[in-house]
Amino acid sequence: MWRRSSRCGNENECVEVAVSQDCVLARDSKVPARSALCFTTAVWTDFLQAVRVGELEGS
């Protein structure tokens, strides 16, 4: 099941994520038929933590 942030509202320019057995999948909501990126749980957790603490601001 694909999910997107509630901050996207009715916009169609969001990143969507889904959790599979092997990884966290991410795709562009504008082009859902394109292949999704696959991240390990550890990498995805590190990414979310970096977002939370502001490490990626201005990047």
N, C-alpha and C. Protein backbone atom coordinates (compact mmCIF):
# COMPACT_ATOMS: atom_id res chain seq x y z
N MET A 1 0.84 -1.18 0.00
CA MET A 1 0.00 0.00 0.00
C MET A 1 0.89 1.24 0.00
N TRP A 2 0.71 2.09 -0.97
CA TRP A 2 1.48 3.32 -1.09
C TRP A 2 0.87 4.40 -0.21
N ARG A 3 1.74 5.15 0.46
CA ARG A 3 1.29 6.26 1.32
C ARG A 3 2.08 7.51 0.96
N ARG A 4 1.48 8.65 1.28
CA ARG A 4 2.20 9.92 1.10
C ARG A 4 1.94 10.80 2.31
N SER A 5 2.77 11.77 2.49
CA SER A 5 2.65 12.66 3.63
C SER A 5 1.33 13.42 3.60
N SER A 6 0.77 13.65 4.77
CA SER A 6 -0.45 14.46 4.85
C SER A 6 -0.17 15.90 4.45
N ARG A 7 1.08 16.31 4.45
CA ARG A 7 1.46 17.66 4.03
C ARG A 7 1.28 17.86 2.53
N CYS A 8 1.15 16.78 1.79
CA CYS A 8 0.96 16.88 0.34
C CYS A 8 -0.43 17.39 0.00
N GLY A 9 -1.38 17.18 0.87
CA GLY A 9 -2.75 17.60 0.59
C GLY A 9 -3.25 16.95 -0.67
N ASN A 10 -3.85 17.74 -1.55
CA ASN A 10 -4.37 17.22 -2.81
C ASN A 10 -3.36 17.35 -3.95
N GLU A 11 -2.15 17.77 -3.61
CA GLU A 11 -1.10 17.91 -4.62
C GLU A 11 -0.76 16.55 -5.21
N ASN A 12 -0.22 16.56 -6.40
CA ASN A 12 0.20 15.31 -7.01
C ASN A 12 1.71 15.31 -7.25
N GLU A 13 2.43 16.08 -6.46
CA GLU A 13 3.88 16.16 -6.59
C GLU A 13 4.51 15.77 -5.27
N CYS A 14 4.38 14.52 -4.91
CA CYS A 14 4.85 14.03 -3.63
C CYS A 14 5.67 12.76 -3.82
N VAL A 15 6.40 12.43 -2.80
CA VAL A 15 7.06 11.13 -2.76
C VAL A 15 6.11 10.18 -2.04
N GLU A 16 5.90 9.02 -2.59
CA GLU A 16 5.07 8.01 -1.96
C GLU A 16 5.96 6.89 -1.47
N VAL A 17 5.60 6.29 -0.34
CA VAL A 17 6.39 5.19 0.21
C VAL A 17 5.50 3.98 0.48
N ALA A 18 6.11 2.82 0.42
CA ALA A 18 5.45 1.57 0.75
C ALA A 18 6.49 0.67 1.39
N VAL A 19 6.04 -0.19 2.27
CA VAL A 19 6.95 -1.12 2.94
C VAL A 19 6.72 -2.51 2.38
N SER A 20 7.80 -3.12 1.93
CA SER A 20 7.72 -4.50 1.45
C SER A 20 8.49 -5.38 2.43
N GLN A 21 8.53 -6.65 2.17
CA GLN A 21 9.28 -7.57 3.04
C GLN A 21 10.75 -7.23 3.08
N ASP A 22 11.30 -6.81 1.95
CA ASP A 22 12.73 -6.62 1.83
C ASP A 22 13.22 -5.19 2.03
N CYS A 23 12.34 -4.20 1.77
CA CYS A 23 12.82 -2.83 1.81
C CYS A 23 11.67 -1.83 1.91
N VAL A 24 12.07 -0.57 2.03
CA VAL A 24 11.12 0.54 1.96
C VAL A 24 11.21 1.07 0.54
N LEU A 25 10.08 1.11 -0.13
CA LEU A 25 10.02 1.57 -1.51
C LEU A 25 9.62 3.04 -1.56
N ALA A 26 10.20 3.79 -2.47
CA ALA A 26 9.84 5.20 -2.66
C ALA A 26 9.65 5.44 -4.15
N ARG A 27 8.62 6.24 -4.49
CA ARG A 27 8.38 6.55 -5.90
C ARG A 27 7.85 7.97 -6.03
N ASP A 28 7.91 8.48 -7.22
CA ASP A 28 7.41 9.81 -7.56
C ASP A 28 5.92 9.68 -7.86
N SER A 29 5.08 10.43 -7.15
CA SER A 29 3.64 10.32 -7.36
C SER A 29 3.21 10.82 -8.74
N LYS A 30 4.03 11.64 -9.39
CA LYS A 30 3.68 12.12 -10.73
C LYS A 30 3.83 11.03 -11.78
N VAL A 31 4.70 10.05 -11.50
CA VAL A 31 4.97 8.99 -12.47
C VAL A 31 4.99 7.65 -11.73
N PRO A 32 3.84 7.20 -11.23
CA PRO A 32 3.81 5.98 -10.42
C PRO A 32 4.18 4.71 -11.18
N ALA A 33 4.11 4.71 -12.49
CA ALA A 33 4.46 3.52 -13.26
C ALA A 33 5.98 3.32 -13.36
N ARG A 34 6.73 4.37 -13.08
CA ARG A 34 8.20 4.27 -13.13
C ARG A 34 8.67 3.41 -11.97
N SER A 35 9.79 2.77 -12.13
CA SER A 35 10.34 1.90 -11.08
C SER A 35 10.56 2.68 -9.78
N ALA A 36 10.24 2.01 -8.68
CA ALA A 36 10.45 2.61 -7.36
C ALA A 36 11.88 2.36 -6.90
N LEU A 37 12.35 3.23 -6.01
CA LEU A 37 13.65 3.02 -5.38
C LEU A 37 13.45 2.13 -4.17
N CYS A 38 14.43 1.29 -3.86
CA CYS A 38 14.34 0.36 -2.74
C CYS A 38 15.46 0.69 -1.74
N PHE A 39 15.06 0.97 -0.49
CA PHE A 39 16.01 1.29 0.57
C PHE A 39 15.90 0.26 1.68
N THR A 40 17.03 -0.11 2.27
CA THR A 40 16.95 -0.99 3.43
C THR A 40 16.28 -0.24 4.57
N THR A 41 15.76 -0.98 5.51
CA THR A 41 15.11 -0.35 6.66
C THR A 41 16.10 0.54 7.41
N ALA A 42 17.34 0.10 7.55
CA ALA A 42 18.35 0.88 8.26
C ALA A 42 18.63 2.20 7.56
N VAL A 43 18.77 2.17 6.25
CA VAL A 43 19.04 3.39 5.49
C VAL A 43 17.84 4.34 5.57
N TRP A 44 16.63 3.81 5.45
CA TRP A 44 15.43 4.64 5.52
C TRP A 44 15.30 5.27 6.91
N THR A 45 15.57 4.51 7.95
CA THR A 45 15.52 5.04 9.33
C THR A 45 16.54 6.16 9.51
N ASP A 46 17.75 5.98 8.99
CA ASP A 46 18.77 7.04 9.06
C ASP A 46 18.32 8.29 8.32
N PHE A 47 17.70 8.11 7.16
CA PHE A 47 17.20 9.24 6.39
C PHE A 47 16.13 10.01 7.17
N LEU A 48 15.17 9.29 7.74
CA LEU A 48 14.11 9.95 8.51
C LEU A 48 14.68 10.70 9.70
N GLN A 49 15.66 10.12 10.37
CA GLN A 49 16.29 10.79 11.52
C GLN A 49 16.99 12.07 11.07
N ALA A 50 17.68 12.03 9.94
CA ALA A 50 18.35 13.21 9.41
C ALA A 50 17.34 14.32 9.09
N VAL A 51 16.19 13.95 8.56
CA VAL A 51 15.13 14.92 8.27
C VAL A 51 14.63 15.54 9.58
N ARG A 52 14.37 14.70 10.57
CA ARG A 52 13.85 15.16 11.87
C ARG A 52 14.76 16.19 12.53
N VAL A 53 16.06 15.96 12.49
CA VAL A 53 16.98 16.86 13.19
C VAL A 53 17.48 18.00 12.31
N GLY A 54 17.02 18.08 11.07
CA GLY A 54 17.36 19.19 10.19
C GLY A 54 18.69 19.08 9.49
N GLU A 55 19.27 17.91 9.44
CA GLU A 55 20.58 17.73 8.79
C GLU A 55 20.53 18.01 7.30
N LEU A 56 19.38 17.89 6.68
CA LEU A 56 19.30 18.02 5.23
C LEU A 56 18.81 19.39 4.76
N GLU A 57 18.53 20.29 5.69
CA GLU A 57 18.04 21.61 5.32
C GLU A 57 19.11 22.36 4.56
N GLY A 58 18.72 22.97 3.45
CA GLY A 58 19.66 23.73 2.64
C GLY A 58 20.51 22.88 1.73
N SER A 59 20.24 21.59 1.69
CA SER A 59 21.04 20.71 0.82
C SER A 59 20.58 20.81 -0.61
